[in-house]
C-alpha atoms as a PDB file:
ATOM      1  CA  MET A   1     -14.890  28.304 113.614  1.00  0.00           C
ATOM      2  CA  ARG A   2     -13.409  25.011 114.810  1.00  0.00           C
ATOM      3  CA  GLY A   3     -14.215  23.222 111.547  1.00  0.00           C
ATOM      4  CA  THR A   4     -12.441  25.858 109.491  1.00  0.00           C
ATOM      5  CA  THR A   5      -9.272  25.693 111.592  1.00  0.00           C
ATOM      6  CA  GLY A   6      -9.152  21.896 111.360  1.00  0.00           C
ATOM      7  CA  ARG A   7      -9.608  21.938 107.591  1.00  0.00           C
ATOM      8  CA  ALA A   8      -6.915  24.582 107.194  1.00  0.00           C
ATOM      9  CA  ALA A   9      -4.475  22.547 109.270  1.00  0.00           C
ATOM     10  CA  LEU A  10      -5.312  19.433 107.256  1.00  0.00           C
ATOM     11  CA  GLY A  11      -4.762  21.365 104.024  1.00  0.00           C
ATOM     12  CA  VAL A  12      -1.342  22.560 105.194  1.00  0.00           C
ATOM     13  CA  ALA A  13      -0.372  19.028 106.218  1.00  0.00           C
ATOM     14  CA  VAL A  14      -1.442  17.648 102.816  1.00  0.00           C
ATOM     15  CA  LEU A  15       0.525  20.354 100.962  1.00  0.00           C
ATOM     16  CA  ALA A  16       3.634  19.641 103.072  1.00  0.00           C
ATOM     17  CA  ALA A  17       3.366  15.918 102.346  1.00  0.00           C
ATOM     18  CA  LEU A  18       3.013  16.587  98.614  1.00  0.00           C
ATOM     19  CA  ALA A  19       6.041  18.885  98.656  1.00  0.00           C
ATOM     20  CA  LEU A  20       8.155  16.204 100.356  1.00  0.00           C
ATOM     21  CA  ALA A  21       7.002  13.553  97.898  1.00  0.00           C
ATOM     22  CA  ALA A  22       7.861  15.803  94.935  1.00  0.00           C
ATOM     23  CA  THR A  23      11.415  16.442  96.179  1.00  0.00           C
ATOM     24  CA  PRO A  24      13.800  14.012  94.458  1.00  0.00           C
ATOM     25  CA  ALA A  25      16.155  11.961  96.598  1.00  0.00           C
ATOM     26  CA  GLN A  26      19.573  13.581  96.927  1.00  0.00           C
ATOM     27  CA  ALA A  27      21.923  12.109  94.348  1.00  0.00           C
ATOM     28  CA  ASP A  28      25.426  10.981  95.260  1.00  0.00           C
ATOM     29  CA  THR A  29      28.128  13.591  94.812  1.00  0.00           C
ATOM     30  CA  LYS A  30      31.161  12.280  92.929  1.00  0.00           C
ATOM     31  CA  TYR A  31      34.692  13.540  93.589  1.00  0.00           C
ATOM     32  CA  GLY A  32      37.843  12.931  91.607  1.00  0.00           C
ATOM     33  CA  THR A  33      40.855  11.430  93.350  1.00  0.00           C
ATOM     34  CA  LYS A  34      44.575  11.669  92.647  1.00  0.00           C
ATOM     35  CA  VAL A  35      47.268   9.467  94.173  1.00  0.00           C
ATOM     36  CA  THR A  36      50.954  10.327  94.009  1.00  0.00           C
ATOM     37  CA  LEU A  37      54.053   8.177  94.391  1.00  0.00           C
ATOM     38  CA  ALA A  38      57.114  10.239  95.303  1.00  0.00           C
ATOM     39  CA  ASN A  39      60.462   9.615  93.662  1.00  0.00           C
ATOM     40  CA  SER A  40      62.438  10.550  96.781  1.00  0.00           C
ATOM     41  CA  PHE A  41      63.420   9.207 100.215  1.00  0.00           C
ATOM     42  CA  PRO A  42      61.806   7.331 101.957  1.00  0.00           C
ATOM     43  CA  ALA A  43      61.323   4.921  99.096  1.00  0.00           C
ATOM     44  CA  PHE A  44      57.591   4.382  98.779  1.00  0.00           C
ATOM     45  CA  HIS A  45      55.396   7.222  99.967  1.00  0.00           C
ATOM     46  CA  GLY A  46      52.919   9.641  98.516  1.00  0.00           C
ATOM     47  CA  LYS A  47      49.618  11.371  99.010  1.00  0.00           C
ATOM     48  CA  VAL A  48      45.942  10.883  98.178  1.00  0.00           C
ATOM     49  CA  LYS A  49      44.358  14.148  97.010  1.00  0.00           C
ATOM     50  CA  SER A  50      40.748  15.198  96.423  1.00  0.00           C
ATOM     51  CA  LYS A  51      38.422  18.163  96.916  1.00  0.00           C
ATOM     52  CA  SER A  52      36.541  16.082  99.532  1.00  0.00           C
ATOM     53  CA  ASP A  53      38.168  15.164 102.863  1.00  0.00           C
ATOM     54  CA  VAL A  54      36.129  11.935 102.805  1.00  0.00           C
ATOM     55  CA  CYS A  55      38.034  10.931  99.659  1.00  0.00           C
ATOM     56  CA  VAL A  56      41.446  11.636 101.236  1.00  0.00           C
ATOM     57  CA  ALA A  57      41.461  10.098 104.719  1.00  0.00           C
ATOM     58  CA  HIS A  58      41.853   6.370 105.362  1.00  0.00           C
ATOM     59  CA  ARG A  59      41.864   5.290 101.717  1.00  0.00           C
ATOM     60  CA  LYS A  60      43.360   1.902 100.828  1.00  0.00           C
ATOM     61  CA  VAL A  61      46.589   2.365  98.858  1.00  0.00           C
ATOM     62  CA  LYS A  62      48.316  -0.496  97.030  1.00  0.00           C
ATOM     63  CA  LEU A  63      51.862  -0.402  95.651  1.00  0.00           C
ATOM     64  CA  PHE A  64      52.633  -2.385  92.498  1.00  0.00           C
ATOM     65  CA  SER A  65      55.773  -3.298  90.569  1.00  0.00           C
ATOM     66  CA  GLU A  66      55.349  -3.412  86.800  1.00  0.00           C
ATOM     67  CA  ARG A  67      56.217  -6.824  85.405  1.00  0.00           C
ATOM     68  CA  PRO A  68      55.706  -8.579  82.071  1.00  0.00           C
ATOM     69  CA  GLY A  69      52.252 -10.082  82.317  1.00  0.00           C
ATOM     70  CA  ARG A  70      50.609  -9.478  85.670  1.00  0.00           C
ATOM     71  CA  ASP A  71      52.025  -6.696  87.911  1.00  0.00           C
ATOM     72  CA  THR A  72      53.215  -7.657  91.412  1.00  0.00           C
ATOM     73  CA  LEU A  73      51.599  -6.274  94.572  1.00  0.00           C
ATOM     74  CA  LEU A  74      54.444  -5.138  96.859  1.00  0.00           C
ATOM     75  CA  GLY A  75      52.435  -3.787  99.754  1.00  0.00           C
ATOM     76  CA  ARG A  76      49.320  -2.048 100.965  1.00  0.00           C
ATOM     77  CA  THR A  77      48.440   0.562 103.543  1.00  0.00           C
ATOM     78  CA  ARG A  78      45.891   3.279 104.308  1.00  0.00           C
ATOM     79  CA  SER A  79      46.318   7.004 103.963  1.00  0.00           C
ATOM     80  CA  ASN A  80      46.285   9.062 107.156  1.00  0.00           C
ATOM     81  CA  GLY A  81      43.812  11.871 107.894  1.00  0.00           C
ATOM     82  CA  ARG A  82      45.718  14.241 105.606  1.00  0.00           C
ATOM     83  CA  GLY A  83      46.043  11.736 102.770  1.00  0.00           C
ATOM     84  CA  ARG A  84      49.680  10.816 103.353  1.00  0.00           C
ATOM     85  CA  TRP A  85      50.757   7.203 103.037  1.00  0.00           C
ATOM     86  CA  GLU A  86      53.973   5.177 103.272  1.00  0.00           C
ATOM     87  CA  ILE A  87      55.021   1.589 102.645  1.00  0.00           C
ATOM     88  CA  PRO A  88      58.454   1.161 104.242  1.00  0.00           C
ATOM     89  CA  GLN A  89      60.493  -1.143 102.065  1.00  0.00           C
ATOM     90  CA  ASP A  90      63.986  -1.220 100.584  1.00  0.00           C
ATOM     91  CA  PRO A  91      63.374  -0.359  96.962  1.00  0.00           C
ATOM     92  CA  PRO A  92      64.561  -2.886  94.404  1.00  0.00           C
ATOM     93  CA  SER A  93      65.219  -1.738  90.851  1.00  0.00           C
ATOM     94  CA  GLY A  94      62.139  -1.501  88.710  1.00  0.00           C
ATOM     95  CA  VAL A  95      59.079   0.490  87.733  1.00  0.00           C
ATOM     96  CA  PHE A  96      56.456   1.134  90.424  1.00  0.00           C
ATOM     97  CA  TYR A  97      53.032   2.744  90.780  1.00  0.00           C
ATOM     98  CA  ALA A  98      50.350   3.208  93.446  1.00  0.00           C
ATOM     99  CA  LYS A  99      46.590   2.684  93.170  1.00  0.00           C
ATOM    100  CA  VAL A 100      43.500   3.595  95.178  1.00  0.00           C
ATOM    101  CA  LYS A 101      40.156   1.995  94.419  1.00  0.00           C
ATOM    102  CA  LYS A 102      36.914   3.904  94.299  1.00  0.00           C
ATOM    103  CA  GLY A 103      35.294   4.471  97.667  1.00  0.00           C
ATOM    104  CA  GLY A 104      33.252   6.994  99.605  1.00  0.00           C
ATOM    105  CA  SER A 105      30.500   7.230 102.160  1.00  0.00           C
ATOM    106  CA  ALA A 106      26.996   6.029 101.375  1.00  0.00           C
ATOM    107  CA  SER A 107      25.591   7.721 104.480  1.00  0.00           C
ATOM    108  CA  LEU A 108      26.978  11.108 103.340  1.00  0.00           C
ATOM    109  CA  GLY A 109      26.121  10.534  99.684  1.00  0.00           C
ATOM    110  CA  ILE A 110      29.762  10.878  98.589  1.00  0.00           C
ATOM    111  CA  LYS A 111      31.450   8.737  95.948  1.00  0.00           C
ATOM    112  CA  CYS A 112      35.211   8.870  95.394  1.00  0.00           C
ATOM    113  CA  LYS A 113      36.749   7.857  92.093  1.00  0.00           C
ATOM    114  CA  GLY A 114      39.726   5.495  91.970  1.00  0.00           C
ATOM    115  CA  ALA A 115      43.141   6.602  90.726  1.00  0.00           C
ATOM    116  CA  THR A 116      46.549   5.346  89.619  1.00  0.00           C
ATOM    117  CA  SER A 117      49.775   7.292  90.151  1.00  0.00           C
ATOM    118  CA  LYS A 118      52.374   8.034  87.516  1.00  0.00           C
ATOM    119  CA  SER A 119      55.036   5.348  87.270  1.00  0.00           C
ATOM    120  CA  VAL A 120      58.328   5.838  89.112  1.00  0.00           C
ATOM    121  CA  VAL A 121      61.546   4.207  87.870  1.00  0.00           C
ATOM    122  CA  ILE A 122      64.183   3.139  90.412  1.00  0.00           C
ATOM    123  CA  ASP A 123      67.588   1.993  89.105  1.00  0.00           C
END
């Protein structure tokens, strides 16, 4: 009787190990991101939006001014826990846009795409 129980337990252990080995590693989940730049007071503010909270909170946001040739970086900040961001600055005349780079969490298997806002014209 003892030999049969031991073999059965060994068989179950082998089957469990084979099942784990056959399971593919969990692939990263990719989420789209949108960044907005508001055309209202206060001058430079907006929101980072995504279906994943990981892709919204604490994202690096950069504000650019469109120029002939290379665009000028005017400021940078991080979005808050709800995706809101602000770069307090007196707005000069020009065309502006905001950008967020791709990001995510390797430990959670989440990848967030980068995004660029629509341009805003200030006269």
